[in-house]
Amino acid sequence: HVASTRCWIEDFREFLLKRGQQFPVSEVFFDDRVQEFMAVGVTGADSSKEYLWVRDNIVKASYMSFSVDVAESAPVEEVNEQMRFWDEYAKEYNTQVERDARGTWHTSELWVRAATTDRMVGSMGRSLAISGIFMFFFLLGFTRNILLATIAYFTAFGTVGCILFVLFVVLEWKMGSSEVIAIVTLVGYVATYSFHLIGRFVRQDPSAGDDSLPPDSRRCGRAALAARAVVGSNFAGAF
């Protein structure tokens, strides 16, 4: 639904009719009439000449602006649907007009945001796969125990899975660029707690009972370093 338009051609038509001149304008007089219109014409809140590209007093190109009833924060699916509508409209227009008037195309900041979000969502799977591989091998390398590494690995991704279920199934969130960044970051920070828990378990002295957890700065440092490495791998995978 088009909410408003800023079309210099409509203003140009009104300008000519008020002067008792013909519209559409003959090709012979078109550029001269446009020059007269550009001197005084107003389209929207701007001078009409802002909508025209003129070289050597000849109109080479122009644009019109349309405001549609779509929020800037609209879901990507809705934005893509609008973009397909304008694609079809421009294609149909270009097939119906004369050859010299063809070449119409459209653009919008919303199209850019939707395309960026699509790319980010598409790369999220690759990012999570890279993060998962790095996480498991970091866990295995710093715990030196495949059982502990496997438990920590599935604990971290199980937590992420539960959070995603609540957000996108229960709360019915829509996937967007902010959600992609949050998910990628979430995986890294969930891994951090798994590393610390496993590191604390490895440092425990069984002969001293549950209350004795002697400090082991090297192992603790390894766990913290591994966690930070996983966070870094998340962002590397995202880009």
C-alpha atoms as a PDB file:
ATOM      1  CA  HIS A   1       0.000   0.000   0.000  1.00  0.00           C
ATOM      2  CA  VAL A   2       1.501   3.325  -1.147  1.00  0.00           C
ATOM      3  CA  ALA A   3       0.982   5.901   1.597  1.00  0.00           C
ATOM      4  CA  SER A   4       2.416   8.934  -0.196  1.00  0.00           C
ATOM      5  CA  THR A   5       4.263   9.886  -3.368  1.00  0.00           C
ATOM      6  CA  ARG A   6       6.697  12.549  -4.491  1.00  0.00           C
ATOM      7  CA  CYS A   7       6.344  12.514  -8.264  1.00  0.00           C
ATOM      8  CA  TRP A   8       7.773  15.419 -10.250  1.00  0.00           C
ATOM      9  CA  ILE A   9       5.815  14.386 -13.367  1.00  0.00           C
ATOM     10  CA  GLU A  10       2.500  15.063 -11.613  1.00  0.00           C
ATOM     11  CA  ASP A  11       3.756  18.492 -10.553  1.00  0.00           C
ATOM     12  CA  PHE A  12       5.058  19.093 -14.080  1.00  0.00           C
ATOM     13  CA  ARG A  13       1.623  18.242 -15.506  1.00  0.00           C
ATOM     14  CA  GLU A  14      -0.093  20.653 -13.117  1.00  0.00           C
ATOM     15  CA  PHE A  15       2.459  23.344 -13.989  1.00  0.00           C
ATOM     16  CA  LEU A  16       1.724  23.048 -17.709  1.00  0.00           C
ATOM     17  CA  LEU A  17      -2.058  22.865 -17.372  1.00  0.00           C
ATOM     18  CA  LYS A  18      -2.122  26.018 -15.227  1.00  0.00           C
ATOM     19  CA  ARG A  19      -0.308  27.812 -18.038  1.00  0.00           C
ATOM     20  CA  GLY A  20      -2.753  26.482 -20.617  1.00  0.00           C
ATOM     21  CA  GLN A  21      -0.131  24.296 -22.248  1.00  0.00           C
ATOM     22  CA  GLN A  22      -0.459  20.761 -23.491  1.00  0.00           C
ATOM     23  CA  PHE A  23       0.408  17.655 -21.501  1.00  0.00           C
ATOM     24  CA  PRO A  24       1.940  15.269 -22.491  1.00  0.00           C
ATOM     25  CA  VAL A  25       4.504  17.578 -24.048  1.00  0.00           C
ATOM     26  CA  SER A  26       5.738  17.096 -27.564  1.00  0.00           C
ATOM     27  CA  GLU A  27       9.251  15.685 -27.772  1.00  0.00           C
ATOM     28  CA  VAL A  28      10.380  18.831 -29.551  1.00  0.00           C
ATOM     29  CA  PHE A  29       9.450  21.109 -26.617  1.00  0.00           C
ATOM     30  CA  PHE A  30       9.950  18.703 -23.718  1.00  0.00           C
ATOM     31  CA  ASP A  31      13.408  19.766 -22.543  1.00  0.00           C
ATOM     32  CA  ASP A  32      12.574  23.463 -22.818  1.00  0.00           C
ATOM     33  CA  ARG A  33       9.395  23.032 -20.786  1.00  0.00           C
ATOM     34  CA  VAL A  34      11.281  21.045 -18.161  1.00  0.00           C
ATOM     35  CA  GLN A  35      13.870  23.832 -17.843  1.00  0.00           C
ATOM     36  CA  GLU A  36      11.063  26.319 -17.185  1.00  0.00           C
ATOM     37  CA  PHE A  37       9.490  23.957 -14.659  1.00  0.00           C
ATOM     38  CA  MET A  38      12.768  23.349 -12.826  1.00  0.00           C
ATOM     39  CA  ALA A  39      13.166  27.053 -12.140  1.00  0.00           C
ATOM     40  CA  VAL A  40       9.985  27.259 -10.037  1.00  0.00           C
ATOM     41  CA  GLY A  41       8.701  23.701  -9.527  1.00  0.00           C
ATOM     42  CA  VAL A  42       8.386  22.137  -6.075  1.00  0.00           C
ATOM     43  CA  THR A  43       7.917  18.428  -5.436  1.00  0.00           C
ATOM     44  CA  GLY A  44       7.135  17.488  -1.877  1.00  0.00           C
ATOM     45  CA  ALA A  45       9.271  19.746   0.297  1.00  0.00           C
ATOM     46  CA  ASP A  46      12.142  20.005  -2.213  1.00  0.00           C
ATOM     47  CA  SER A  47      12.811  21.737  -5.475  1.00  0.00           C
ATOM     48  CA  SER A  48      11.705  19.593  -8.408  1.00  0.00           C
ATOM     49  CA  LYS A  49      15.154  19.851  -9.960  1.00  0.00           C
ATOM     50  CA  GLU A  50      16.432  17.573  -7.173  1.00  0.00           C
ATOM     51  CA  TYR A  51      14.518  14.739  -8.866  1.00  0.00           C
ATOM     52  CA  LEU A  52      16.023  15.305 -12.318  1.00  0.00           C
ATOM     53  CA  TRP A  53      19.414  14.595 -13.822  1.00  0.00           C
ATOM     54  CA  VAL A  54      20.010  17.121 -16.598  1.00  0.00           C
ATOM     55  CA  ARG A  55      23.091  17.470 -18.796  1.00  0.00           C
ATOM     56  CA  ASP A  56      23.413  20.157 -21.484  1.00  0.00           C
ATOM     57  CA  ASN A  57      19.767  21.112 -20.893  1.00  0.00           C
ATOM     58  CA  ILE A  58      18.652  17.563 -21.749  1.00  0.00           C
ATOM     59  CA  VAL A  59      16.900  15.334 -19.222  1.00  0.00           C
ATOM     60  CA  LYS A  60      18.972  12.160 -18.919  1.00  0.00           C
ATOM     61  CA  ALA A  61      17.213  10.495 -15.987  1.00  0.00           C
ATOM     62  CA  SER A  62      14.864  11.151 -13.083  1.00  0.00           C
ATOM     63  CA  TYR A  63      13.446   9.483 -10.011  1.00  0.00           C
ATOM     64  CA  MET A  64      10.234   9.417  -8.031  1.00  0.00           C
ATOM     65  CA  SER A  65       9.842   8.621  -4.349  1.00  0.00           C
ATOM     66  CA  PHE A  66       7.102   6.449  -2.863  1.00  0.00           C
ATOM     67  CA  SER A  67       6.417   5.871   0.833  1.00  0.00           C
ATOM     68  CA  VAL A  68       4.796   2.502   1.524  1.00  0.00           C
ATOM     69  CA  ASP A  69       2.909   1.387   4.596  1.00  0.00           C
ATOM     70  CA  VAL A  70       5.686  -0.865   5.926  1.00  0.00           C
ATOM     71  CA  ALA A  71       7.468  -0.237   9.220  1.00  0.00           C
ATOM     72  CA  GLU A  72      11.247   0.121   9.204  1.00  0.00           C
ATOM     73  CA  SER A  73      11.352  -2.641  11.826  1.00  0.00           C
ATOM     74  CA  ALA A  74       9.142  -4.983   9.770  1.00  0.00           C
ATOM     75  CA  PRO A  75      10.146  -8.676   9.598  1.00  0.00           C
ATOM     76  CA  VAL A  76      12.421  -9.673   6.746  1.00  0.00           C
ATOM     77  CA  GLU A  77       9.675 -11.827   5.197  1.00  0.00           C
ATOM     78  CA  GLU A  78       7.353  -8.827   4.892  1.00  0.00           C
ATOM     79  CA  VAL A  79      10.108  -6.656   3.435  1.00  0.00           C
ATOM     80  CA  ASN A  80      11.020  -9.351   0.883  1.00  0.00           C
ATOM     81  CA  GLU A  81       7.374  -9.600  -0.128  1.00  0.00           C
ATOM     82  CA  GLN A  82       7.262  -5.840  -0.757  1.00  0.00           C
ATOM     83  CA  MET A  83      10.499  -6.029  -2.739  1.00  0.00           C
ATOM     84  CA  ARG A  84       9.074  -8.806  -4.941  1.00  0.00           C
ATOM     85  CA  PHE A  85       5.998  -6.659  -5.593  1.00  0.00           C
ATOM     86  CA  TRP A  86       8.139  -3.759  -6.800  1.00  0.00           C
ATOM     87  CA  ASP A  87      10.289  -6.158  -8.847  1.00  0.00           C
ATOM     88  CA  GLU A  88       7.179  -7.373 -10.655  1.00  0.00           C
ATOM     89  CA  TYR A  89       5.856  -3.831 -11.102  1.00  0.00           C
ATOM     90  CA  ALA A  90       9.133  -2.561 -12.598  1.00  0.00           C
ATOM     91  CA  LYS A  91       9.396  -5.602 -14.864  1.00  0.00           C
ATOM     92  CA  GLU A  92       5.830  -5.151 -16.130  1.00  0.00           C
ATOM     93  CA  TYR A  93       6.374  -1.423 -16.667  1.00  0.00           C
ATOM     94  CA  ASN A  94       9.556  -1.973 -18.669  1.00  0.00           C
ATOM     95  CA  THR A  95       7.805  -4.441 -20.974  1.00  0.00           C
ATOM     96  CA  GLN A  96       4.904  -2.089 -21.725  1.00  0.00           C
ATOM     97  CA  VAL A  97       6.581   1.261 -22.363  1.00  0.00           C
ATOM     98  CA  GLU A  98       8.470   2.318 -25.465  1.00  0.00           C
ATOM     99  CA  ARG A  99      12.088   1.266 -25.844  1.00  0.00           C
ATOM    100  CA  ASP A 100      13.489   4.721 -24.975  1.00  0.00           C
ATOM    101  CA  ALA A 101      11.589   4.769 -21.665  1.00  0.00           C
ATOM    102  CA  ARG A 102      12.769   1.368 -20.471  1.00  0.00           C
ATOM    103  CA  GLY A 103      15.338   0.781 -17.737  1.00  0.00           C
ATOM    104  CA  THR A 104      13.194   1.655 -14.724  1.00  0.00           C
ATOM    105  CA  TRP A 105      14.465   0.166 -11.465  1.00  0.00           C
ATOM    106  CA  HIS A 106      13.764   0.613  -7.768  1.00  0.00           C
ATOM    107  CA  THR A 107      15.744   0.748  -4.551  1.00  0.00           C
ATOM    108  CA  SER A 108      15.139   1.252  -0.836  1.00  0.00           C
ATOM    109  CA  GLU A 109      17.033   1.183   2.431  1.00  0.00           C
ATOM    110  CA  LEU A 110      14.653  -1.584   3.506  1.00  0.00           C
ATOM    111  CA  TRP A 111      15.839  -3.770   0.617  1.00  0.00           C
ATOM    112  CA  VAL A 112      19.429  -3.314   1.786  1.00  0.00           C
ATOM    113  CA  ARG A 113      18.549  -4.259   5.368  1.00  0.00           C
ATOM    114  CA  ALA A 114      16.612  -7.325   4.231  1.00  0.00           C
ATOM    115  CA  ALA A 115      19.468  -8.508   1.995  1.00  0.00           C
ATOM    116  CA  THR A 116      21.974  -8.000   4.818  1.00  0.00           C
ATOM    117  CA  THR A 117      19.801  -9.956   7.244  1.00  0.00           C
ATOM    118  CA  ASP A 118      19.381 -12.795   4.739  1.00  0.00           C
ATOM    119  CA  ARG A 119      23.154 -13.008   4.347  1.00  0.00           C
ATOM    120  CA  MET A 120      23.674 -12.998   8.106  1.00  0.00           C
ATOM    121  CA  VAL A 121      21.064 -15.694   8.701  1.00  0.00           C
ATOM    122  CA  GLY A 122      22.617 -17.770   5.936  1.00  0.00           C
ATOM    123  CA  SER A 123      26.080 -17.478   7.492  1.00  0.00           C
ATOM    124  CA  MET A 124      24.823 -18.254  11.015  1.00  0.00           C
ATOM    125  CA  GLY A 125      24.774 -22.013  10.358  1.00  0.00           C
ATOM    126  CA  ARG A 126      28.370 -21.909   9.166  1.00  0.00           C
ATOM    127  CA  SER A 127      29.343 -19.842  12.191  1.00  0.00           C
ATOM    128  CA  LEU A 128      27.713 -22.270  14.628  1.00  0.00           C
ATOM    129  CA  ALA A 129      29.365 -25.242  12.905  1.00  0.00           C
ATOM    130  CA  ILE A 130      32.799 -23.611  13.161  1.00  0.00           C
ATOM    131  CA  SER A 131      32.127 -22.689  16.787  1.00  0.00           C
ATOM    132  CA  GLY A 132      31.054 -26.261  17.586  1.00  0.00           C
ATOM    133  CA  ILE A 133      34.209 -27.744  16.095  1.00  0.00           C
ATOM    134  CA  PHE A 134      36.463 -25.270  17.887  1.00  0.00           C
ATOM    135  CA  MET A 135      34.603 -25.771  21.154  1.00  0.00           C
ATOM    136  CA  PHE A 136      34.936 -29.540  21.156  1.00  0.00           C
ATOM    137  CA  PHE A 137      38.644 -29.566  20.328  1.00  0.00           C
ATOM    138  CA  PHE A 138      39.403 -26.826  22.855  1.00  0.00           C
ATOM    139  CA  LEU A 139      37.526 -28.803  25.482  1.00  0.00           C
ATOM    140  CA  LEU A 140      39.352 -31.975  24.534  1.00  0.00           C
ATOM    141  CA  GLY A 141      42.717 -30.251  24.507  1.00  0.00           C
ATOM    142  CA  PHE A 142      42.381 -28.492  27.859  1.00  0.00           C
ATOM    143  CA  THR A 143      40.603 -31.245  29.795  1.00  0.00           C
ATOM    144  CA  ARG A 144      42.461 -34.156  28.123  1.00  0.00           C
ATOM    145  CA  ASN A 145      39.365 -36.247  28.748  1.00  0.00           C
ATOM    146  CA  ILE A 146      37.005 -37.101  25.888  1.00  0.00           C
ATOM    147  CA  LEU A 147      34.118 -37.933  28.252  1.00  0.00           C
ATOM    148  CA  LEU A 148      34.287 -34.572  30.034  1.00  0.00           C
ATOM    149  CA  ALA A 149      34.697 -32.772  26.724  1.00  0.00           C
ATOM    150  CA  THR A 150      31.614 -34.504  25.291  1.00  0.00           C
ATOM    151  CA  ILE A 151      29.493 -33.751  28.376  1.00  0.00           C
ATOM    152  CA  ALA A 152      30.484 -30.077  28.368  1.00  0.00           C
ATOM    153  CA  TYR A 153      29.930 -29.845  24.610  1.00  0.00           C
ATOM    154  CA  PHE A 154      26.372 -31.185  24.676  1.00  0.00           C
ATOM    155  CA  THR A 155      25.575 -29.213  27.824  1.00  0.00           C
ATOM    156  CA  ALA A 156      26.524 -25.953  26.098  1.00  0.00           C
ATOM    157  CA  PHE A 157      24.619 -26.621  22.895  1.00  0.00           C
ATOM    158  CA  GLY A 158      21.676 -28.086  24.802  1.00  0.00           C
ATOM    159  CA  THR A 159      21.410 -24.806  26.701  1.00  0.00           C
ATOM    160  CA  VAL A 160      21.534 -22.838  23.459  1.00  0.00           C
ATOM    161  CA  GLY A 161      18.857 -25.076  21.953  1.00  0.00           C
ATOM    162  CA  CYS A 162      16.527 -24.515  24.913  1.00  0.00           C
ATOM    163  CA  ILE A 163      16.996 -20.742  24.724  1.00  0.00           C
ATOM    164  CA  LEU A 164      16.296 -20.714  20.980  1.00  0.00           C
ATOM    165  CA  PHE A 165      13.171 -22.833  21.498  1.00  0.00           C
ATOM    166  CA  VAL A 166      11.802 -20.340  24.021  1.00  0.00           C
ATOM    167  CA  LEU A 167      12.636 -17.301  21.863  1.00  0.00           C
ATOM    168  CA  PHE A 168      11.475 -18.478  18.455  1.00  0.00           C
ATOM    169  CA  VAL A 169       8.791 -21.062  19.267  1.00  0.00           C
ATOM    170  CA  VAL A 170       7.256 -19.961  22.558  1.00  0.00           C
ATOM    171  CA  LEU A 171       7.726 -16.186  22.198  1.00  0.00           C
ATOM    172  CA  GLU A 172       7.495 -16.294  18.367  1.00  0.00           C
ATOM    173  CA  TRP A 173      10.372 -13.936  17.722  1.00  0.00           C
ATOM    174  CA  LYS A 174      11.351 -13.261  14.094  1.00  0.00           C
ATOM    175  CA  MET A 175      14.892 -13.882  12.946  1.00  0.00           C
ATOM    176  CA  GLY A 176      16.757 -10.655  12.213  1.00  0.00           C
ATOM    177  CA  SER A 177      20.278  -9.255  12.217  1.00  0.00           C
ATOM    178  CA  SER A 178      20.175  -8.486  15.958  1.00  0.00           C
ATOM    179  CA  GLU A 179      19.000 -12.020  16.737  1.00  0.00           C
ATOM    180  CA  VAL A 180      21.796 -13.533  14.610  1.00  0.00           C
ATOM    181  CA  ILE A 181      24.459 -11.515  16.448  1.00  0.00           C
ATOM    182  CA  ALA A 182      22.907 -12.439  19.805  1.00  0.00           C
ATOM    183  CA  ILE A 183      22.890 -16.172  18.965  1.00  0.00           C
ATOM    184  CA  VAL A 184      26.503 -16.173  17.802  1.00  0.00           C
ATOM    185  CA  THR A 185      27.567 -14.329  20.955  1.00  0.00           C
ATOM    186  CA  LEU A 186      25.408 -16.582  23.136  1.00  0.00           C
ATOM    187  CA  VAL A 187      27.192 -19.726  21.977  1.00  0.00           C
ATOM    188  CA  GLY A 188      30.541 -18.298  23.042  1.00  0.00           C
ATOM    189  CA  TYR A 189      29.397 -17.223  26.480  1.00  0.00           C
ATOM    190  CA  VAL A 190      27.548 -20.485  27.137  1.00  0.00           C
ATOM    191  CA  ALA A 191      30.834 -22.246  26.357  1.00  0.00           C
ATOM    192  CA  THR A 192      32.579 -20.066  28.944  1.00  0.00           C
ATOM    193  CA  TYR A 193      30.592 -21.536  31.850  1.00  0.00           C
ATOM    194  CA  SER A 194      31.072 -25.078  30.576  1.00  0.00           C
ATOM    195  CA  PHE A 195      34.830 -24.551  30.521  1.00  0.00           C
ATOM    196  CA  HIS A 196      34.868 -23.203  34.064  1.00  0.00           C
ATOM    197  CA  LEU A 197      32.731 -26.046  35.422  1.00  0.00           C
ATOM    198  CA  ILE A 198      34.831 -28.711  33.739  1.00  0.00           C
ATOM    199  CA  GLY A 199      38.044 -26.976  34.819  1.00  0.00           C
ATOM    200  CA  ARG A 200      36.817 -26.897  38.423  1.00  0.00           C
ATOM    201  CA  PHE A 201      35.920 -30.580  38.249  1.00  0.00           C
ATOM    202  CA  VAL A 202      39.358 -31.487  36.864  1.00  0.00           C
ATOM    203  CA  ARG A 203      41.101 -29.481  39.619  1.00  0.00           C
ATOM    204  CA  GLN A 204      39.239 -31.235  42.426  1.00  0.00           C
ATOM    205  CA  ASP A 205      41.302 -33.477  44.723  1.00  0.00           C
ATOM    206  CA  PRO A 206      39.207 -36.624  45.438  1.00  0.00           C
ATOM    207  CA  SER A 207      41.233 -37.533  48.552  1.00  0.00           C
ATOM    208  CA  ALA A 208      40.450 -34.211  50.234  1.00  0.00           C
ATOM    209  CA  GLY A 209      36.631 -34.424  49.960  1.00  0.00           C
ATOM    210  CA  ASP A 210      34.166 -32.085  48.282  1.00  0.00           C
ATOM    211  CA  ASP A 211      35.159 -29.013  50.294  1.00  0.00           C
ATOM    212  CA  SER A 212      38.747 -28.946  49.149  1.00  0.00           C
ATOM    213  CA  LEU A 213      39.384 -27.415  45.738  1.00  0.00           C
ATOM    214  CA  PRO A 214      43.071 -26.490  45.695  1.00  0.00           C
ATOM    215  CA  PRO A 215      43.906 -23.703  43.295  1.00  0.00           C
ATOM    216  CA  ASP A 216      45.583 -24.631  40.054  1.00  0.00           C
ATOM    217  CA  SER A 217      46.274 -21.450  38.184  1.00  0.00           C
ATOM    218  CA  ARG A 218      47.568 -23.177  35.085  1.00  0.00           C
ATOM    219  CA  ARG A 219      44.422 -25.244  34.521  1.00  0.00           C
ATOM    220  CA  CYS A 220      42.153 -22.355  35.417  1.00  0.00           C
ATOM    221  CA  GLY A 221      44.040 -20.153  32.980  1.00  0.00           C
ATOM    222  CA  ARG A 222      43.720 -22.797  30.277  1.00  0.00           C
ATOM    223  CA  ALA A 223      39.969 -23.014  30.799  1.00  0.00           C
ATOM    224  CA  ALA A 224      39.572 -19.247  30.630  1.00  0.00           C
ATOM    225  CA  LEU A 225      41.797 -19.057  27.539  1.00  0.00           C
ATOM    226  CA  ALA A 226      39.796 -21.802  25.837  1.00  0.00           C
ATOM    227  CA  ALA A 227      36.528 -20.022  26.584  1.00  0.00           C
ATOM    228  CA  ARG A 228      37.821 -16.763  25.122  1.00  0.00           C
ATOM    229  CA  ALA A 229      39.079 -18.633  22.058  1.00  0.00           C
ATOM    230  CA  VAL A 230      35.633 -20.071  21.437  1.00  0.00           C
ATOM    231  CA  VAL A 231      34.088 -16.587  21.687  1.00  0.00           C
ATOM    232  CA  GLY A 232      36.633 -15.371  19.161  1.00  0.00           C
ATOM    233  CA  SER A 233      35.915 -18.255  16.813  1.00  0.00           C
ATOM    234  CA  ASN A 234      32.216 -17.328  16.884  1.00  0.00           C
ATOM    235  CA  PHE A 235      32.874 -13.865  15.532  1.00  0.00           C
ATOM    236  CA  ALA A 236      35.386 -15.208  13.004  1.00  0.00           C
ATOM    237  CA  GLY A 237      32.773 -17.637  11.734  1.00  0.00           C
ATOM    238  CA  ALA A 238      30.128 -14.901  11.543  1.00  0.00           C
ATOM    239  CA  PHE A 239      32.249 -12.864   9.147  1.00  0.00           C
END
